[in-house]
């Protein structure tokens, strides 16, 4: 039932006079107005005490390589995944630092997403063009964002390569124009396929043959933007003992099996989504969310926050990093690399209160997962964590040489996803993980992709 319209629906001069008189009634309003106009709200609302309290020291801290830099692209989920895997190569080969090629993964992600999009168009030919589903599919067919299970699909199908084998290009580091042109072409293909179907000019078989021709054009475009991915390569390195090694004629899949040697099926995606439509202890998937057709579907297990926190803590204390997804733009000082709920006192600066719960923020579009990073440390006091060390992929300038720090209170409010070993789950949760997932709509908040630049 909607609110009935009355004579007071419009903003009136009398109303404005009341608002103006209220604002001018307190002298400090003008002082705050001038300070915010000159310096910005974050400078005025900054709580300097937080900068002192959030120390970059941790009771548990893992060794990592040099900080990585996704530059002007939305590949955070990919960088975070490769940052987790590269440690295995560095340890096996006795390397102080090592980096896997993000451009290689990006090539195959764009190519697979293009196929996923075209298949989705073929599966929805009877849907109205102006309906919500087609509008959703057409919105961002090949954006840079992704999810953990999408990363797993790429690694398991295409392997990985050292960064020097397929280095960064202009368009891997500045992806906007590449995405725009590929998106333009994919939308054109959608017009072609849907028009041919609607005018009965093509059979199902001929439409799929047409799709293969379309993919050939996408492959060519990606080669121009990112370079052609290698079929084989030689791996040469000198370890910390100054010993030289050469391993010849490796495929990317060979390299992954030999030098990374991680069974990604041992890891599961756990979320904390405290909304009424997603009971804890159940699994969920999202319609039309993926990249590799025939690959692993996105699957989450939703758990209480106490379990969520405990799982992340267990894996760190066992010596393994934790891939995670969060809403990083909330209560963040990017330069200092600090995420803390008390970092900005917006309420005092603006004379308002902000009272939405985590559930409200998810339901009403105020928050969702935007960025993926890696936990590489935690500080525990009397058995409870109070701050977490974060490996980011924004280069060495922000934070503490590229590392960020997160308060445990912020963890509660804006953390949404972690990837942990299945073994850490209780027997009850392991059983729940094996149940068929409930399907969520494509536009559900848990269908968001980590894509922040």
Protein backbone atom coordinates (compact mmCIF):
# COMPACT_ATOMS: atom_id res chain seq x y z
CA UNK A 1 0.00 0.00 0.00
CA UNK A 2 1.44 3.41 -0.97
CA UNK A 3 1.26 6.59 1.09
CA UNK A 4 -1.74 8.71 0.07
CA UNK A 5 -0.89 12.01 -1.62
CA UNK A 6 -1.89 15.14 0.31
CA UNK A 7 -1.49 18.88 -0.04
CA UNK A 8 1.91 18.79 1.75
CA UNK A 9 3.65 16.66 -0.90
CA UNK A 10 5.54 19.59 -2.44
CA UNK A 11 8.44 21.56 -0.97
CA UNK A 12 7.01 24.95 0.02
CA UNK A 13 8.58 28.34 0.85
CA UNK A 14 7.37 27.97 4.44
CA UNK A 15 9.13 24.62 4.74
CA UNK A 16 12.37 26.11 3.42
CA UNK A 17 12.20 28.96 5.91
CA UNK A 18 11.99 26.44 8.78
CA UNK A 19 14.96 24.45 7.47
CA UNK A 20 17.08 27.57 6.97
CA UNK A 21 16.23 28.91 10.42
CA UNK A 22 17.13 25.55 11.98
CA UNK A 23 20.49 25.43 10.20
CA UNK A 24 21.40 28.98 11.19
CA UNK A 25 20.33 28.55 14.80
CA UNK A 26 23.65 26.94 15.81
CA UNK A 27 26.89 28.88 15.12
CA UNK A 28 28.92 25.65 14.83
CA UNK A 29 26.94 24.71 11.71
CA UNK A 30 28.60 27.55 9.80
CA UNK A 31 32.03 26.55 11.14
CA UNK A 32 31.51 22.95 10.03
CA UNK A 33 30.12 24.06 6.68
CA UNK A 34 33.20 26.15 5.97
CA UNK A 35 35.57 23.39 7.09
CA UNK A 36 33.85 20.74 4.95
CA UNK A 37 33.61 23.04 1.92
CA UNK A 38 37.34 23.73 2.09
CA UNK A 39 38.75 20.36 3.14
CA UNK A 40 36.12 17.70 2.37
CA UNK A 41 34.04 15.60 4.73
CA UNK A 42 36.64 12.89 5.33
CA UNK A 43 39.33 15.34 6.45
CA UNK A 44 36.93 17.01 8.89
CA UNK A 45 35.39 13.79 10.20
CA UNK A 46 38.69 11.87 10.53
CA UNK A 47 39.23 10.33 13.97
CA UNK A 48 42.97 10.73 14.51
CA UNK A 49 42.91 8.31 17.47
CA UNK A 50 42.23 5.43 15.08
CA UNK A 51 45.45 6.14 13.18
CA UNK A 52 47.34 5.63 16.45
CA UNK A 53 45.41 2.57 17.61
CA UNK A 54 45.64 0.59 14.34
CA UNK A 55 49.23 -0.68 14.57
CA UNK A 56 50.80 -2.73 11.79
CA UNK A 57 51.89 -5.50 14.16
CA UNK A 58 50.26 -8.90 14.37
CA UNK A 59 50.56 -11.98 16.58
CA UNK A 60 50.26 -14.20 13.47
CA UNK A 61 51.90 -13.01 10.25
CA UNK A 62 52.63 -14.94 7.06
CA UNK A 63 55.53 -14.35 4.69
CA UNK A 64 54.50 -12.89 1.35
CA UNK A 65 56.12 -11.73 -1.86
CA UNK A 66 56.30 -8.19 -3.18
CA UNK A 67 53.01 -6.32 -3.33
CA UNK A 68 51.21 -6.51 -6.69
CA UNK A 69 49.42 -3.79 -8.64
CA UNK A 70 46.23 -4.27 -10.66
CA UNK A 71 46.55 -0.62 -11.81
CA UNK A 72 43.52 0.77 -13.61
CA UNK A 73 41.67 -2.53 -13.94
CA UNK A 74 39.10 -4.42 -11.88
CA UNK A 75 41.05 -7.68 -11.55
CA UNK A 76 41.30 -7.69 -7.74
CA UNK A 77 39.72 -11.17 -7.45
CA UNK A 78 42.25 -12.54 -9.94
CA UNK A 79 45.22 -10.82 -8.28
CA UNK A 80 44.07 -12.10 -4.88
CA UNK A 81 43.74 -15.65 -6.18
CA UNK A 82 47.14 -15.61 -7.87
CA UNK A 83 48.69 -14.05 -4.75
CA UNK A 84 47.46 -17.07 -2.78
CA UNK A 85 48.91 -19.52 -5.34
CA UNK A 86 52.26 -17.84 -5.95
CA UNK A 87 53.46 -18.64 -2.44
CA UNK A 88 53.48 -22.33 -3.33
CA UNK A 89 55.78 -21.67 -6.31
CA UNK A 90 58.08 -19.44 -4.24
CA UNK A 91 58.37 -22.10 -1.53
CA UNK A 92 58.95 -24.99 -3.93
CA UNK A 93 61.58 -23.10 -5.91
CA UNK A 94 63.15 -21.26 -2.93
CA UNK A 95 62.36 -17.82 -4.32
CA UNK A 96 62.11 -14.72 -2.17
CA UNK A 97 59.40 -13.24 -4.38
CA UNK A 98 57.50 -14.49 -7.39
CA UNK A 99 54.53 -13.35 -9.45
CA UNK A 100 52.13 -15.22 -11.74
CA UNK A 101 50.77 -13.65 -14.92
CA UNK A 102 47.50 -11.82 -14.38
CA UNK A 103 47.32 -10.92 -18.07
CA UNK A 104 47.19 -14.64 -18.97
CA UNK A 105 44.22 -15.22 -16.67
CA UNK A 106 42.57 -12.04 -17.93
CA UNK A 107 42.74 -13.22 -21.56
CA UNK A 108 40.96 -16.47 -20.83
CA UNK A 109 38.45 -14.83 -18.49
CA UNK A 110 37.41 -12.36 -21.22
CA UNK A 111 37.22 -15.14 -23.79
CA UNK A 112 35.20 -17.46 -21.54
CA UNK A 113 32.91 -14.63 -20.40
CA UNK A 114 32.19 -13.84 -24.04
CA UNK A 115 31.12 -17.45 -24.65
CA UNK A 116 29.12 -17.44 -21.38
CA UNK A 117 27.31 -14.28 -22.47
CA UNK A 118 26.50 -15.59 -25.95
CA UNK A 119 25.25 -18.88 -24.51
CA UNK A 120 23.09 -16.93 -22.05
CA UNK A 121 21.61 -14.98 -24.99
CA UNK A 122 20.85 -18.26 -26.80
CA UNK A 123 19.21 -19.64 -23.65
CA UNK A 124 16.94 -16.60 -23.30
CA UNK A 125 15.76 -16.00 -26.87
CA UNK A 126 12.11 -16.03 -25.80
CA UNK A 127 12.65 -13.37 -23.11
CA UNK A 128 11.49 -9.82 -23.96
CA UNK A 129 14.33 -7.47 -24.91
CA UNK A 130 13.10 -4.85 -22.45
CA UNK A 131 12.63 -7.37 -19.62
CA UNK A 132 14.76 -7.33 -16.49
CA UNK A 133 16.75 -10.47 -17.35
CA UNK A 134 17.91 -9.39 -20.82
CA UNK A 135 18.63 -5.91 -19.50
CA UNK A 136 20.76 -7.50 -16.80
CA UNK A 137 22.67 -9.71 -19.24
CA UNK A 138 23.38 -6.78 -21.54
CA UNK A 139 24.59 -4.50 -18.75
CA UNK A 140 28.23 -5.68 -18.40
CA UNK A 141 28.97 -8.85 -20.39
CA UNK A 142 32.76 -8.78 -19.95
CA UNK A 143 33.60 -6.49 -17.05
CA UNK A 144 36.78 -7.17 -15.10
CA UNK A 145 35.03 -8.48 -11.98
CA UNK A 146 34.90 -12.02 -10.73
CA UNK A 147 34.39 -14.51 -7.94
CA UNK A 148 36.47 -17.25 -6.35
CA UNK A 149 34.77 -20.11 -8.22
CA UNK A 150 35.31 -18.23 -11.48
CA UNK A 151 39.02 -18.01 -10.65
CA UNK A 152 39.09 -21.76 -9.96
CA UNK A 153 37.50 -22.44 -13.36
CA UNK A 154 40.23 -20.52 -15.15
CA UNK A 155 43.08 -22.19 -13.27
CA UNK A 156 41.73 -25.71 -13.67
CA UNK A 157 41.07 -25.28 -17.41
CA UNK A 158 44.02 -23.13 -18.49
CA UNK A 159 46.66 -23.48 -15.77
CA UNK A 160 48.94 -20.57 -14.84
CA UNK A 161 52.20 -19.09 -16.15
CA UNK A 162 54.96 -16.92 -14.64
CA UNK A 163 54.39 -13.21 -15.19
CA UNK A 164 57.32 -12.78 -17.59
CA UNK A 165 55.82 -15.38 -19.94
CA UNK A 166 52.75 -13.19 -20.56
CA UNK A 167 53.49 -9.74 -19.11
CA UNK A 168 51.16 -6.79 -18.61
CA UNK A 169 50.04 -4.74 -21.62
CA UNK A 170 48.57 -1.28 -21.93
CA UNK A 171 45.04 -2.71 -21.96
CA UNK A 172 45.49 -5.25 -19.17
CA UNK A 173 46.50 -2.39 -16.87
CA UNK A 174 43.99 0.09 -18.34
CA UNK A 175 41.09 -2.11 -19.31
CA UNK A 176 38.22 0.35 -19.80
CA UNK A 177 38.56 0.85 -23.57
CA UNK A 178 39.13 -2.86 -24.24
CA UNK A 179 36.02 -3.72 -22.23
CA UNK A 180 34.00 -1.03 -24.00
CA UNK A 181 34.86 -2.31 -27.48
CA UNK A 182 34.35 -5.99 -26.67
CA UNK A 183 31.06 -5.16 -24.96
CA UNK A 184 29.97 -3.20 -28.00
CA UNK A 185 30.70 -6.21 -30.21
CA UNK A 186 28.92 -8.66 -27.88
CA UNK A 187 25.79 -6.50 -27.79
CA UNK A 188 25.89 -6.44 -31.59
CA UNK A 189 26.08 -10.23 -31.58
CA UNK A 190 23.08 -10.34 -29.24
CA UNK A 191 21.12 -8.25 -31.76
CA UNK A 192 22.13 -10.63 -34.57
CA UNK A 193 21.22 -13.81 -32.69
CA UNK A 194 17.92 -12.55 -31.29
CA UNK A 195 16.84 -11.00 -34.60
CA UNK A 196 17.63 -14.20 -36.52
CA UNK A 197 15.56 -16.20 -34.02
CA UNK A 198 12.64 -13.77 -33.90
CA UNK A 199 12.39 -13.60 -37.70
CA UNK A 200 12.80 -17.39 -37.99
CA UNK A 201 15.81 -16.98 -40.28
CA UNK A 202 18.00 -19.51 -38.43
CA UNK A 203 17.77 -22.89 -36.75
CA UNK A 204 19.24 -23.68 -33.32
CA UNK A 205 22.15 -25.40 -35.05
CA UNK A 206 22.91 -22.47 -37.34
CA UNK A 207 22.76 -20.03 -34.44
CA UNK A 208 25.41 -22.02 -32.59
CA UNK A 209 27.57 -22.13 -35.71
CA UNK A 210 27.21 -18.36 -35.93
CA UNK A 211 28.26 -18.12 -32.27
CA UNK A 212 31.52 -19.93 -33.04
CA UNK A 213 32.31 -17.39 -35.76
CA UNK A 214 31.63 -14.62 -33.28
CA UNK A 215 34.02 -16.15 -30.76
CA UNK A 216 36.72 -16.21 -33.43
CA UNK A 217 36.43 -12.44 -33.73
CA UNK A 218 36.59 -12.01 -29.94
CA UNK A 219 39.73 -14.15 -29.80
CA UNK A 220 41.38 -11.96 -32.44
CA UNK A 221 40.45 -8.78 -30.55
CA UNK A 222 41.86 -10.18 -27.30
CA UNK A 223 45.14 -11.09 -29.01
CA UNK A 224 45.47 -7.50 -30.19
CA UNK A 225 44.74 -6.14 -26.70
CA UNK A 226 46.60 -8.66 -24.51
CA UNK A 227 48.88 -10.72 -26.74
CA UNK A 228 48.49 -14.36 -27.71
CA UNK A 229 48.60 -16.76 -24.74
CA UNK A 230 51.49 -19.25 -24.84
CA UNK A 231 50.99 -22.94 -25.51
CA UNK A 232 54.39 -23.88 -24.05
CA UNK A 233 57.29 -22.03 -22.43
CA UNK A 234 60.59 -22.55 -20.61
CA UNK A 235 60.75 -21.79 -16.89
CA UNK A 236 64.14 -20.44 -15.85
CA UNK A 237 64.99 -19.09 -12.41
CA UNK A 238 67.79 -18.66 -9.88
CA UNK A 239 66.86 -19.50 -6.28
CA UNK A 240 67.96 -17.87 -3.04
CA UNK A 241 71.01 -20.14 -2.99
CA UNK A 242 72.00 -18.65 -6.38
CA UNK A 243 71.40 -21.98 -8.10
CA UNK A 244 70.15 -21.79 -11.69
CA UNK A 245 67.28 -23.99 -12.92
CA UNK A 246 65.67 -24.51 -16.32
CA UNK A 247 62.51 -26.50 -17.06
CA UNK A 248 61.72 -26.65 -20.78
CA UNK A 249 58.59 -27.03 -22.91
CA UNK A 250 56.04 -26.68 -20.11
CA UNK A 251 52.37 -26.13 -20.85
CA UNK A 252 50.51 -23.78 -18.48
CA UNK A 253 48.69 -26.83 -17.10
CA UNK A 254 52.01 -28.66 -16.59
CA UNK A 255 53.42 -25.67 -14.74
CA UNK A 256 50.39 -25.50 -12.44
CA UNK A 257 50.52 -29.21 -11.57
CA UNK A 258 54.28 -29.25 -11.04
CA UNK A 259 54.97 -25.95 -9.29
CA UNK A 260 51.69 -24.91 -7.63
CA UNK A 261 50.31 -28.38 -6.93
CA UNK A 262 47.20 -27.30 -5.02
CA UNK A 263 43.87 -29.12 -5.18
CA UNK A 264 41.43 -26.24 -5.37
CA UNK A 265 38.55 -28.64 -4.66
CA UNK A 266 39.80 -28.66 -1.05
CA UNK A 267 38.66 -25.03 -0.67
CA UNK A 268 35.11 -23.74 -0.27
CA UNK A 269 33.47 -20.34 -0.46
CA UNK A 270 31.81 -19.26 2.78
CA UNK A 271 29.68 -16.13 3.11
CA UNK A 272 28.03 -14.09 5.85
CA UNK A 273 24.76 -12.69 4.50
CA UNK A 274 22.39 -12.04 7.45
CA UNK A 275 19.23 -11.54 5.40
CA UNK A 276 15.90 -13.30 5.99
CA UNK A 277 15.90 -14.92 2.54
CA UNK A 278 19.21 -16.71 3.17
CA UNK A 279 19.06 -18.89 6.32
CA UNK A 280 22.42 -19.84 7.79
CA UNK A 281 23.64 -23.38 7.26
CA UNK A 282 22.41 -23.55 3.66
CA UNK A 283 24.08 -23.27 0.25
CA UNK A 284 23.32 -20.78 -2.51
CA UNK A 285 24.15 -20.16 -6.15
CA UNK A 286 23.30 -17.27 -8.47
CA UNK A 287 21.60 -17.53 -11.84
CA UNK A 288 23.70 -16.45 -14.83
CA UNK A 289 26.78 -15.82 -12.69
CA UNK A 290 29.91 -17.43 -14.08
CA UNK A 291 32.56 -17.39 -16.75
CA UNK A 292 33.36 -20.95 -17.96
CA UNK A 293 30.47 -22.91 -19.47
CA UNK A 294 30.74 -26.47 -18.19
CA UNK A 295 32.91 -25.30 -15.31
CA UNK A 296 32.25 -25.07 -11.61
CA UNK A 297 29.13 -23.14 -10.66
CA UNK A 298 29.41 -20.39 -8.06
CA UNK A 299 28.41 -21.89 -4.72
CA UNK A 300 28.31 -20.33 -1.25
CA UNK A 301 27.72 -21.68 2.23
CA UNK A 302 26.11 -19.05 4.48
CA UNK A 303 27.20 -19.13 8.14
CA UNK A 304 26.90 -17.10 11.35
CA UNK A 305 29.53 -14.42 11.93
CA UNK A 306 31.12 -16.31 14.85
CA UNK A 307 31.74 -19.30 12.56
CA UNK A 308 32.84 -17.05 9.69
CA UNK A 309 35.47 -15.36 11.86
CA UNK A 310 36.65 -18.63 13.42
CA UNK A 311 37.22 -20.23 9.99
CA UNK A 312 39.38 -17.34 8.79
CA UNK A 313 41.35 -17.39 12.04
CA UNK A 314 41.96 -21.16 11.91
CA UNK A 315 43.38 -21.03 8.41
CA UNK A 316 45.71 -18.12 9.19
CA UNK A 317 46.98 -19.75 12.37
CA UNK A 318 47.63 -22.91 10.34
CA UNK A 319 49.94 -20.86 8.11
CA UNK A 320 47.71 -20.35 5.05
CA UNK A 321 46.48 -17.04 3.61
CA UNK A 322 42.74 -16.41 3.17
CA UNK A 323 41.17 -15.04 -0.01
CA UNK A 324 38.24 -12.78 0.92
CA UNK A 325 35.64 -10.40 -0.48
CA UNK A 326 34.40 -7.23 1.24
CA UNK A 327 32.91 -3.78 0.68
CA UNK A 328 36.26 -2.01 0.81
CA UNK A 329 35.05 1.53 0.14
CA UNK A 330 33.25 1.77 3.46
CA UNK A 331 35.04 3.59 6.32
CA UNK A 332 38.38 3.37 4.49
CA UNK A 333 41.39 5.67 4.48
CA UNK A 334 43.03 4.54 1.25
CA UNK A 335 46.28 6.41 1.85
CA UNK A 336 46.78 5.01 5.35
CA UNK A 337 45.34 1.63 4.39
CA UNK A 338 42.99 1.57 7.40
CA UNK A 339 39.49 0.05 7.56
CA UNK A 340 37.81 0.87 10.87
CA UNK A 341 34.23 1.62 11.93
CA UNK A 342 35.38 4.61 14.01
CA UNK A 343 37.65 6.09 11.36
CA UNK A 344 35.23 8.89 10.38
CA UNK A 345 32.80 10.56 12.77
CA UNK A 346 30.30 11.52 10.09
CA UNK A 347 27.49 11.76 12.64
CA UNK A 348 29.13 14.58 14.62
CA UNK A 349 30.34 16.36 11.50
CA UNK A 350 26.93 16.30 9.79
CA UNK A 351 24.56 16.25 12.83
CA UNK A 352 22.83 13.09 11.58
CA UNK A 353 22.80 9.42 12.61
CA UNK A 354 23.43 6.36 10.43
CA UNK A 355 21.60 3.33 11.80
CA UNK A 356 21.23 0.70 9.07
CA UNK A 357 22.11 -2.85 10.07
CA UNK A 358 24.19 -5.15 7.88
CA UNK A 359 20.96 -6.85 6.77
CA UNK A 360 19.40 -3.47 5.90
CA UNK A 361 22.46 -2.41 3.93
CA UNK A 362 22.31 -5.59 1.82
CA UNK A 363 18.55 -5.41 1.27
CA UNK A 364 18.46 -1.72 0.37
CA UNK A 365 21.51 -1.43 -1.88
CA UNK A 366 23.80 0.35 0.57
CA UNK A 367 26.46 -2.37 0.61
CA UNK A 368 27.69 -5.43 -1.27
CA UNK A 369 30.98 -7.10 -2.06
CA UNK A 370 33.14 -4.81 -4.19
CA UNK A 371 36.75 -5.94 -3.75
CA UNK A 372 38.82 -9.09 -3.12
CA UNK A 373 42.07 -9.21 -1.13
CA UNK A 374 44.03 -11.67 1.00
CA UNK A 375 44.40 -11.99 4.76
CA UNK A 376 48.06 -12.61 5.61
CA UNK A 377 48.03 -11.92 9.34
CA UNK A 378 45.90 -11.38 12.44
CA UNK A 379 46.42 -9.99 15.92
CA UNK A 380 44.80 -12.05 18.70
CA UNK A 381 44.29 -10.83 22.27
CA UNK A 382 42.88 -13.25 24.90
CA UNK A 383 41.79 -15.62 22.14
CA UNK A 384 39.96 -12.97 20.12
CA UNK A 385 41.20 -11.12 16.99
CA UNK A 386 41.18 -7.33 17.13
CA UNK A 387 42.82 -6.50 13.79
CA UNK A 388 43.65 -8.25 10.54
CA UNK A 389 46.56 -7.81 8.11
CA UNK A 390 45.48 -7.46 4.48
CA UNK A 391 47.52 -7.97 1.30
CA UNK A 392 46.04 -5.64 -1.31
CA UNK A 393 46.80 -5.29 -5.03
CA UNK A 394 46.90 -1.50 -5.42
CA UNK A 395 50.70 -1.23 -5.55
CA UNK A 396 53.15 -0.24 -2.78
CA UNK A 397 52.04 3.37 -2.30
CA UNK A 398 48.84 3.12 -0.21
CA UNK A 399 48.83 1.66 3.28
CA UNK A 400 52.01 0.22 4.77
CA UNK A 401 54.01 -0.63 1.60
CA UNK A 402 50.79 -1.86 0.00
CA UNK A 403 49.43 -3.77 3.02
CA UNK A 404 46.22 -2.64 4.71
CA UNK A 405 44.85 -3.16 8.21
CA UNK A 406 41.25 -4.02 9.16
CA UNK A 407 39.65 -3.74 12.60
CA UNK A 408 37.61 -6.68 13.83
CA UNK A 409 34.53 -4.48 14.15
CA UNK A 410 34.86 -3.55 10.47
CA UNK A 411 35.24 -7.29 9.74
CA UNK A 412 31.80 -7.85 11.29
CA UNK A 413 30.06 -5.16 9.27
CA UNK A 414 31.58 -5.28 5.78
CA UNK A 415 33.11 -8.73 5.29
CA UNK A 416 30.99 -10.98 3.05
CA UNK A 417 33.08 -13.89 1.76
CA UNK A 418 36.10 -16.02 2.64
CA UNK A 419 37.67 -19.07 1.02
CA UNK A 420 38.86 -21.75 3.44
CA UNK A 421 39.77 -25.40 3.51
CA UNK A 422 36.73 -27.64 3.67
CA UNK A 423 38.37 -29.55 6.55
CA UNK A 424 37.85 -26.59 8.90
CA UNK A 425 34.07 -26.87 8.61
CA UNK A 426 32.16 -28.79 11.26
CA UNK A 427 30.62 -32.12 10.24
CA UNK A 428 27.23 -30.43 10.15
CA UNK A 429 28.42 -27.68 7.82
CA UNK A 430 30.26 -30.14 5.58
CA UNK A 431 27.02 -32.04 5.19
CA UNK A 432 25.18 -28.78 4.43
CA UNK A 433 27.80 -27.93 1.81
CA UNK A 434 26.87 -31.06 -0.15
CA UNK A 435 23.17 -30.19 -0.39
CA UNK A 436 21.77 -28.71 -3.63
CA UNK A 437 22.06 -24.90 -3.51
CA UNK A 438 19.13 -22.51 -3.58
CA UNK A 439 19.16 -20.38 -6.74
CA UNK A 440 19.31 -16.62 -6.25
CA UNK A 441 18.27 -14.10 -8.88
CA UNK A 442 21.08 -12.58 -10.99
CA UNK A 443 20.62 -9.19 -9.29
CA UNK A 444 20.84 -10.55 -5.73
CA UNK A 445 23.54 -8.78 -3.62
CA UNK A 446 25.42 -12.08 -3.37
CA UNK A 447 25.74 -12.03 -7.15
CA UNK A 448 28.05 -9.04 -7.01
CA UNK A 449 31.54 -9.30 -8.52
CA UNK A 450 34.77 -8.09 -6.97
CA UNK A 451 35.82 -5.40 -9.43
CA UNK A 452 37.04 -2.29 -7.58
CA UNK A 453 40.00 -0.56 -9.21
